[in-house]
């Protein structure tokens, strides 16, 4: 896990559903809408692998 300049831990294995830039990135990456990404995060949690699997399936 990497750290930010402020010394905080940064976890790239998770999707922060409340962070618009993360939702936009994931939506563009998967070719879906931002709403679909937010719904997937609510449904399966914030694990990036689970969200991507839900969006594909």
N, C-alpha and C. Protein backbone atom coordinates (compact mmCIF):
# COMPACT_ATOMS: atom_id res chain seq x y z
N UNK A 1 0.84 -1.16 0.00
CA UNK A 1 0.00 0.00 0.00
C UNK A 1 0.90 1.23 0.00
N UNK A 2 0.57 2.18 -0.84
CA UNK A 2 1.37 3.40 -0.91
C UNK A 2 0.80 4.46 0.03
N UNK A 3 1.58 5.51 0.23
CA UNK A 3 1.11 6.61 1.07
C UNK A 3 1.06 7.89 0.25
N UNK A 4 0.20 8.79 0.66
CA UNK A 4 0.08 10.08 0.00
C UNK A 4 1.13 11.03 0.58
N UNK A 5 1.20 12.23 0.03
CA UNK A 5 2.16 13.22 0.54
C UNK A 5 1.85 13.60 1.98
N UNK A 6 0.62 13.43 2.38
CA UNK A 6 0.25 13.76 3.76
C UNK A 6 0.53 12.61 4.72
N UNK A 7 1.05 11.50 4.20
CA UNK A 7 1.37 10.36 5.03
C UNK A 7 0.22 9.40 5.27
N UNK A 8 -0.88 9.62 4.58
CA UNK A 8 -2.02 8.73 4.74
C UNK A 8 -1.89 7.53 3.82
N UNK A 9 -2.43 6.41 4.24
CA UNK A 9 -2.41 5.21 3.43
C UNK A 9 -3.37 5.35 2.26
N UNK A 10 -2.97 4.87 1.10
CA UNK A 10 -3.80 4.94 -0.09
C UNK A 10 -4.07 3.50 -0.54
N UNK A 11 -5.33 3.14 -0.61
CA UNK A 11 -5.69 1.77 -0.95
C UNK A 11 -6.32 1.75 -2.33
N UNK A 12 -5.60 1.24 -3.30
CA UNK A 12 -6.09 1.21 -4.67
C UNK A 12 -6.96 0.00 -4.96
N UNK A 13 -7.11 -0.86 -3.98
CA UNK A 13 -7.94 -2.05 -4.16
C UNK A 13 -9.40 -1.75 -3.84
N UNK A 14 -9.69 -0.51 -3.50
CA UNK A 14 -11.06 -0.15 -3.14
C UNK A 14 -11.55 1.02 -4.00
N UNK A 15 -12.86 1.08 -4.20
CA UNK A 15 -13.49 2.17 -4.93
C UNK A 15 -14.25 3.01 -3.91
N UNK A 16 -13.89 4.27 -3.78
CA UNK A 16 -14.60 5.16 -2.87
C UNK A 16 -15.83 5.69 -3.59
N UNK A 17 -16.99 5.14 -3.29
CA UNK A 17 -18.23 5.51 -3.97
C UNK A 17 -18.63 6.96 -3.79
N UNK A 18 -18.14 7.60 -2.74
CA UNK A 18 -18.46 9.00 -2.49
C UNK A 18 -17.50 9.97 -3.17
N UNK A 19 -16.44 9.45 -3.77
CA UNK A 19 -15.46 10.30 -4.45
C UNK A 19 -15.77 10.32 -5.94
N UNK A 20 -16.21 11.46 -6.44
CA UNK A 20 -16.65 11.57 -7.83
C UNK A 20 -15.56 11.17 -8.82
N UNK A 21 -14.31 11.55 -8.53
CA UNK A 21 -13.24 11.23 -9.48
C UNK A 21 -13.00 9.72 -9.58
N UNK A 22 -13.16 9.00 -8.46
CA UNK A 22 -12.98 7.55 -8.50
C UNK A 22 -14.13 6.88 -9.24
N UNK A 23 -15.34 7.37 -9.03
CA UNK A 23 -16.51 6.82 -9.71
C UNK A 23 -16.40 7.07 -11.21
N UNK A 24 -15.99 8.29 -11.58
CA UNK A 24 -15.82 8.64 -13.01
C UNK A 24 -14.77 7.75 -13.66
N UNK A 25 -13.65 7.55 -12.97
CA UNK A 25 -12.57 6.71 -13.50
C UNK A 25 -13.06 5.30 -13.75
N UNK A 26 -13.71 4.72 -12.77
CA UNK A 26 -14.18 3.34 -12.89
C UNK A 26 -15.25 3.22 -13.98
N UNK A 27 -16.13 4.22 -14.09
CA UNK A 27 -17.17 4.21 -15.11
C UNK A 27 -16.55 4.26 -16.51
N UNK A 28 -15.57 5.12 -16.69
CA UNK A 28 -14.91 5.23 -17.99
C UNK A 28 -14.15 3.95 -18.32
N UNK A 29 -13.47 3.41 -17.32
CA UNK A 29 -12.68 2.19 -17.51
C UNK A 29 -13.55 1.00 -17.93
N UNK A 30 -14.74 0.90 -17.33
CA UNK A 30 -15.63 -0.23 -17.60
C UNK A 30 -16.65 0.07 -18.69
N UNK A 31 -16.75 1.32 -19.13
CA UNK A 31 -17.69 1.67 -20.19
C UNK A 31 -19.14 1.69 -19.73
N UNK A 32 -19.36 2.11 -18.48
CA UNK A 32 -20.70 2.18 -17.92
C UNK A 32 -20.95 3.58 -17.37
N UNK A 33 -22.15 3.82 -16.86
CA UNK A 33 -22.47 5.13 -16.29
C UNK A 33 -21.99 5.21 -14.84
N UNK A 34 -21.91 6.44 -14.34
CA UNK A 34 -21.50 6.64 -12.95
C UNK A 34 -22.53 6.03 -12.00
N UNK A 35 -23.80 6.10 -12.38
CA UNK A 35 -24.85 5.53 -11.55
C UNK A 35 -24.71 4.03 -11.39
N UNK A 36 -24.31 3.37 -12.47
CA UNK A 36 -24.11 1.92 -12.41
C UNK A 36 -22.96 1.56 -11.47
N UNK A 37 -21.91 2.37 -11.48
CA UNK A 37 -20.78 2.12 -10.57
C UNK A 37 -21.23 2.31 -9.13
N UNK A 38 -21.96 3.38 -8.86
CA UNK A 38 -22.44 3.63 -7.49
C UNK A 38 -23.36 2.51 -7.03
N UNK A 39 -24.23 2.03 -7.91
CA UNK A 39 -25.12 0.93 -7.57
C UNK A 39 -24.33 -0.34 -7.26
N UNK A 40 -23.28 -0.59 -8.05
CA UNK A 40 -22.44 -1.78 -7.82
C UNK A 40 -21.72 -1.68 -6.48
N UNK A 41 -21.24 -0.49 -6.12
CA UNK A 41 -20.56 -0.30 -4.83
C UNK A 41 -21.54 -0.57 -3.69
N UNK A 42 -22.77 -0.08 -3.82
CA UNK A 42 -23.78 -0.33 -2.79
C UNK A 42 -24.13 -1.81 -2.69
N UNK A 43 -24.15 -2.48 -3.83
CA UNK A 43 -24.56 -3.89 -3.89
C UNK A 43 -23.49 -4.84 -3.36
N UNK A 44 -22.23 -4.68 -3.81
CA UNK A 44 -21.19 -5.66 -3.47
C UNK A 44 -20.11 -5.13 -2.55
N UNK A 45 -20.16 -3.85 -2.18
CA UNK A 45 -19.13 -3.28 -1.32
C UNK A 45 -18.12 -2.51 -2.15
N UNK A 46 -17.06 -2.02 -1.52
CA UNK A 46 -16.12 -1.15 -2.23
C UNK A 46 -14.87 -1.84 -2.74
N UNK A 47 -14.83 -3.15 -2.73
CA UNK A 47 -13.70 -3.88 -3.31
C UNK A 47 -13.70 -3.69 -4.83
N UNK A 48 -12.59 -3.20 -5.36
CA UNK A 48 -12.50 -2.92 -6.79
C UNK A 48 -12.76 -4.18 -7.62
N UNK A 49 -12.22 -5.31 -7.20
CA UNK A 49 -12.41 -6.57 -7.94
C UNK A 49 -13.88 -6.97 -7.98
N UNK A 50 -14.57 -6.84 -6.85
CA UNK A 50 -15.98 -7.21 -6.79
C UNK A 50 -16.84 -6.26 -7.62
N UNK A 51 -16.52 -4.96 -7.57
CA UNK A 51 -17.28 -3.98 -8.33
C UNK A 51 -17.11 -4.25 -9.83
N UNK A 52 -15.87 -4.48 -10.26
CA UNK A 52 -15.62 -4.76 -11.68
C UNK A 52 -16.31 -6.05 -12.12
N UNK A 53 -16.29 -7.07 -11.27
CA UNK A 53 -16.95 -8.33 -11.62
C UNK A 53 -18.46 -8.12 -11.74
N UNK A 54 -19.04 -7.33 -10.84
CA UNK A 54 -20.47 -7.07 -10.90
C UNK A 54 -20.84 -6.28 -12.15
N UNK A 55 -20.01 -5.34 -12.55
CA UNK A 55 -20.29 -4.54 -13.73
C UNK A 55 -20.17 -5.36 -15.01
N UNK A 56 -19.28 -6.34 -15.03
CA UNK A 56 -19.11 -7.19 -16.20
C UNK A 56 -20.18 -8.26 -16.30
N UNK A 57 -20.66 -8.71 -15.16
CA UNK A 57 -21.59 -9.83 -15.14
C UNK A 57 -22.97 -9.38 -15.01
